[in-house]
Amino acid sequence: MKSLWFFEDTNLFKILCPHKFKAYKVNHDFDSYKKQDYIYFEEDSATKVYLIEKGKVKLGYYNEDGEEVVKAILTRGELFGETAILGESKREEFAMSIDNTTSICPIGVETMHNLMRDNQTFSFKVYKFIGFKLKKLERRLQLLLFKDTKTRLLEFLHELCTDYGYDCEKTGDKIIHHPYTQKDIASLIGTSRPTLNILLNELKEENVIEFSRKEIRIYKKTA
């Protein structure tokens, strides 16, 4: 999964951005968004896919009680709105910038289909990316529905391990450098920020983790 999710590892931006293709470069621009600007709303027409050049984007929807459910928080190099490629006509989620300097590369569905038709390797990467993303989303929604908050946090930390973690050579601990704020993490596991803070401190007292603003260490015996 790691090789599909990281900008640094796969250069998704270099693979997907129309700026890299002479035929599409002339009429292509980047769109800028401030914090809390919507890129699209639920029920909007699905005519584009989007690639994040920089910044951070939240995907979510509102349930029957009007509560916000966060499906994903995406960062540089990640793709969203990709179900338009599969034939979705209307959005089933909203996409909102949660950074003041978000820059998005929008790609028309027709352009995307042309690129995929002309390049089999490119097409394979896109479909594989979508498949992994859907599996990841399904797993997260199952967590929200069936697990208690502490279990959701522990499973989320192990997911972070897979996506952002590496082994400390000296101790064997897992070191995670991640792009999320505590507010982001709380949203993703369906809890409040104060509750998350309590749980993180409980895990710290139990010698399961050590954490700072952008780094989490999972001690070897639990990683």
Protein backbone atom coordinates (compact mmCIF):
# COMPACT_ATOMS: atom_id res chain seq x y z
CA MET A 1 0.00 0.00 0.00
CA LYS A 2 2.81 2.35 0.91
CA SER A 3 4.11 2.59 -2.66
CA LEU A 4 0.70 3.78 -3.86
CA TRP A 5 -0.03 6.32 -1.16
CA PHE A 6 3.15 8.33 -0.94
CA PHE A 7 4.01 11.22 -3.25
CA GLU A 8 7.72 10.77 -2.45
CA ASP A 9 7.75 7.05 -3.28
CA THR A 10 5.72 6.91 -6.47
CA ASN A 11 5.70 10.49 -7.75
CA LEU A 12 1.95 10.19 -8.34
CA PHE A 13 1.96 13.88 -9.12
CA LYS A 14 4.51 13.34 -11.90
CA ILE A 15 2.52 10.40 -13.23
CA LEU A 16 -0.93 12.00 -13.20
CA CYS A 17 -0.60 15.76 -13.60
CA PRO A 18 -1.61 16.99 -17.10
CA HIS A 19 1.20 19.55 -16.84
CA LYS A 20 3.49 16.63 -17.67
CA PHE A 21 1.74 16.00 -20.98
CA LYS A 22 2.24 18.55 -23.77
CA ALA A 23 -1.20 17.94 -25.27
CA TYR A 24 -2.94 18.96 -22.03
CA LYS A 25 -0.55 21.49 -20.52
CA VAL A 26 -1.74 24.59 -22.41
CA ASN A 27 -5.27 24.66 -21.01
CA HIS A 28 -4.45 23.42 -17.54
CA ASP A 29 -4.27 25.41 -14.30
CA PHE A 30 -3.95 24.78 -10.59
CA ASP A 31 -6.75 25.84 -8.22
CA SER A 32 -5.96 27.41 -4.84
CA TYR A 33 -8.09 27.03 -1.70
CA LYS A 34 -8.05 28.48 1.79
CA LYS A 35 -8.99 26.68 4.98
CA GLN A 36 -12.68 25.58 5.00
CA ASP A 37 -13.13 26.29 1.28
CA TYR A 38 -15.17 23.56 -0.41
CA ILE A 39 -13.74 21.93 -3.53
CA TYR A 40 -17.07 20.21 -4.12
CA PHE A 41 -20.28 19.44 -2.24
CA GLU A 42 -22.41 16.33 -1.93
CA GLU A 43 -24.67 15.99 -4.99
CA ASP A 44 -22.34 18.11 -7.19
CA SER A 45 -21.74 16.74 -10.69
CA ALA A 46 -18.72 14.44 -10.79
CA THR A 47 -16.80 15.65 -13.84
CA LYS A 48 -13.22 15.80 -12.52
CA VAL A 49 -10.68 14.01 -10.39
CA TYR A 50 -8.26 15.97 -8.23
CA LEU A 51 -4.62 15.66 -7.25
CA ILE A 52 -3.22 17.56 -4.27
CA GLU A 53 -0.10 19.55 -5.16
CA LYS A 54 0.18 20.87 -1.60
CA GLY A 55 -2.00 21.34 1.48
CA LYS A 56 -4.61 19.09 3.03
CA VAL A 57 -8.16 18.02 2.05
CA LYS A 58 -10.94 16.49 4.16
CA LEU A 59 -13.50 14.14 2.60
CA GLY A 60 -16.76 13.45 4.41
CA TYR A 61 -20.54 13.47 4.47
CA TYR A 62 -23.39 14.30 6.84
CA ASN A 63 -25.44 11.48 8.34
CA GLU A 64 -29.21 11.50 8.94
CA ASP A 65 -28.70 13.31 12.27
CA GLY A 66 -26.73 16.07 10.55
CA GLU A 67 -23.45 14.94 12.08
CA GLU A 68 -20.29 15.14 10.02
CA VAL A 69 -18.60 11.82 9.27
CA VAL A 70 -14.97 12.18 8.09
CA LYS A 71 -14.02 9.54 5.53
CA ALA A 72 -10.43 10.61 4.91
CA ILE A 73 -7.90 13.40 5.33
CA LEU A 74 -5.54 13.57 2.36
CA THR A 75 -2.22 15.30 1.85
CA ARG A 76 0.25 16.15 -0.92
CA GLY A 77 0.36 13.77 -3.85
CA GLU A 78 -2.92 12.02 -3.08
CA LEU A 79 -5.84 11.63 -5.45
CA PHE A 80 -9.53 12.16 -4.69
CA GLY A 81 -12.83 12.34 -6.56
CA GLU A 82 -11.61 9.31 -8.49
CA THR A 83 -14.99 7.53 -8.49
CA ALA A 84 -15.86 9.85 -11.39
CA ILE A 85 -13.53 7.68 -13.49
CA LEU A 86 -15.72 4.68 -12.67
CA GLY A 87 -18.90 6.41 -13.84
CA GLU A 88 -20.17 8.20 -10.72
CA SER A 89 -22.34 11.09 -11.94
CA LYS A 90 -22.92 12.89 -8.61
CA ARG A 91 -20.72 13.26 -5.55
CA GLU A 92 -21.60 11.19 -2.52
CA GLU A 93 -19.26 13.20 -0.28
CA PHE A 94 -17.92 16.70 0.16
CA ALA A 95 -14.29 17.74 -0.23
CA MET A 96 -12.99 20.64 1.86
CA SER A 97 -9.58 22.27 2.16
CA ILE A 98 -8.35 22.25 5.77
CA ASP A 99 -5.15 24.17 5.04
CA ASN A 100 -4.70 27.81 4.05
CA THR A 101 -2.36 27.02 1.16
CA THR A 102 -4.02 24.06 -0.55
CA SER A 103 -3.26 23.77 -4.26
CA ILE A 104 -5.20 21.30 -6.39
CA CYS A 105 -4.58 19.91 -9.86
CA PRO A 106 -8.05 19.22 -11.37
CA ILE A 107 -8.19 16.65 -14.16
CA GLY A 108 -11.28 16.31 -16.35
CA VAL A 109 -12.71 12.80 -16.54
CA GLU A 110 -12.41 12.80 -20.34
CA THR A 111 -8.74 13.81 -20.08
CA MET A 112 -8.18 11.06 -17.51
CA HIS A 113 -9.85 8.47 -19.74
CA ASN A 114 -7.69 9.56 -22.69
CA LEU A 115 -4.51 9.29 -20.61
CA MET A 116 -5.56 5.85 -19.35
CA ARG A 117 -6.44 4.63 -22.85
CA ASP A 118 -3.07 5.76 -24.21
CA ASN A 119 -0.95 4.36 -21.38
CA GLN A 120 -1.60 0.88 -20.01
CA THR A 121 0.87 1.23 -17.11
CA PHE A 122 -0.73 4.51 -16.10
CA SER A 123 -4.19 2.91 -16.28
CA PHE A 124 -3.09 -0.02 -14.10
CA LYS A 125 -1.65 2.32 -11.45
CA VAL A 126 -4.88 4.33 -11.31
CA TYR A 127 -7.14 1.29 -10.89
CA LYS A 128 -4.83 -0.27 -8.32
CA PHE A 129 -4.75 3.00 -6.40
CA ILE A 130 -8.56 3.19 -6.40
CA GLY A 131 -8.83 -0.42 -5.22
CA PHE A 132 -6.51 0.12 -2.25
CA LYS A 133 -8.24 3.36 -1.35
CA LEU A 134 -11.69 1.74 -1.32
CA LYS A 135 -10.41 -1.10 0.89
CA LYS A 136 -8.88 1.40 3.29
CA LEU A 137 -12.12 3.39 3.46
CA GLU A 138 -14.19 0.26 4.03
CA ARG A 139 -11.92 -0.77 6.90
CA ARG A 140 -12.18 2.66 8.52
CA LEU A 141 -15.98 2.73 8.31
CA GLN A 142 -16.14 -0.74 9.88
CA LEU A 143 -13.99 0.54 12.74
CA LEU A 144 -16.32 3.48 13.30
CA LEU A 145 -19.38 1.23 13.38
CA PHE A 146 -18.21 -1.72 15.44
CA LYS A 147 -15.24 -0.84 17.66
CA ASP A 148 -14.86 1.16 20.88
CA THR A 149 -12.87 4.40 20.76
CA LYS A 150 -9.64 3.03 22.24
CA THR A 151 -9.62 0.11 19.81
CA ARG A 152 -10.25 2.53 16.93
CA LEU A 153 -7.27 4.60 18.04
CA LEU A 154 -4.96 1.58 18.37
CA GLU A 155 -5.93 0.29 14.92
CA PHE A 156 -5.48 3.78 13.46
CA LEU A 157 -1.99 3.96 14.99
CA HIS A 158 -1.08 0.65 13.37
CA GLU A 159 -2.43 1.98 10.06
CA LEU A 160 -0.17 5.02 10.50
CA CYS A 161 2.70 2.57 11.10
CA THR A 162 2.07 1.01 7.71
CA ASP A 163 1.75 4.32 5.89
CA TYR A 164 4.31 6.54 7.64
CA GLY A 165 6.34 4.37 10.03
CA TYR A 166 9.89 3.09 10.07
CA ASP A 167 11.96 1.05 12.54
CA CYS A 168 14.34 2.77 14.92
CA GLU A 169 17.70 1.04 14.38
CA LYS A 170 18.76 1.41 18.03
CA THR A 171 15.57 0.32 19.81
CA GLY A 172 13.39 -1.45 17.25
CA ASP A 173 10.53 0.94 18.10
CA LYS A 174 8.23 2.14 15.31
CA ILE A 175 8.70 5.86 14.59
CA ILE A 176 5.82 7.57 12.78
CA HIS A 177 6.21 11.00 11.15
CA HIS A 178 2.68 11.88 10.05
CA PRO A 179 0.85 14.94 8.58
CA TYR A 180 -2.14 14.95 10.98
CA THR A 181 -3.13 17.27 13.81
CA GLN A 182 -4.88 15.87 16.89
CA LYS A 183 -8.08 17.36 15.53
CA ASP A 184 -7.57 15.42 12.26
CA ILE A 185 -6.99 12.15 14.12
CA ALA A 186 -10.02 12.72 16.36
CA SER A 187 -12.19 13.28 13.26
CA LEU A 188 -10.86 10.17 11.53
CA ILE A 189 -11.61 7.86 14.47
CA GLY A 190 -14.95 9.50 15.28
CA THR A 191 -14.24 11.06 18.66
CA SER A 192 -13.61 14.45 20.25
CA ARG A 193 -10.19 16.03 20.61
CA PRO A 194 -10.34 15.99 24.47
CA THR A 195 -11.21 12.26 24.43
CA LEU A 196 -8.35 11.58 22.02
CA ASN A 197 -5.95 13.46 24.28
CA ILE A 198 -7.07 11.39 27.29
CA LEU A 199 -6.58 8.13 25.35
CA LEU A 200 -3.15 9.14 24.03
CA ASN A 201 -2.02 9.99 27.56
CA GLU A 202 -3.41 6.67 28.83
CA LEU A 203 -1.36 4.82 26.21
CA LYS A 204 1.67 6.89 27.18
CA GLU A 205 1.24 5.97 30.86
CA GLU A 206 0.89 2.31 29.86
CA ASN A 207 4.24 2.59 28.00
CA VAL A 208 2.58 1.76 24.70
CA ILE A 209 3.49 5.01 22.94
CA GLU A 210 5.32 8.32 23.22
CA PHE A 211 4.02 11.22 21.18
CA SER A 212 4.65 14.81 20.16
CA ARG A 213 2.91 17.08 17.67
CA LYS A 214 4.02 15.32 14.46
CA GLU A 215 5.74 12.18 15.75
CA ILE A 216 4.48 9.03 17.46
CA ARG A 217 6.74 6.30 18.81
CA ILE A 218 5.19 2.87 19.31
CA TYR A 219 7.38 0.86 21.64
CA LYS A 220 8.73 -2.40 20.26
CA LYS A 221 6.79 -4.73 22.56
CA THR A 222 3.45 -3.39 21.18
CA ALA A 223 4.30 -2.44 17.59
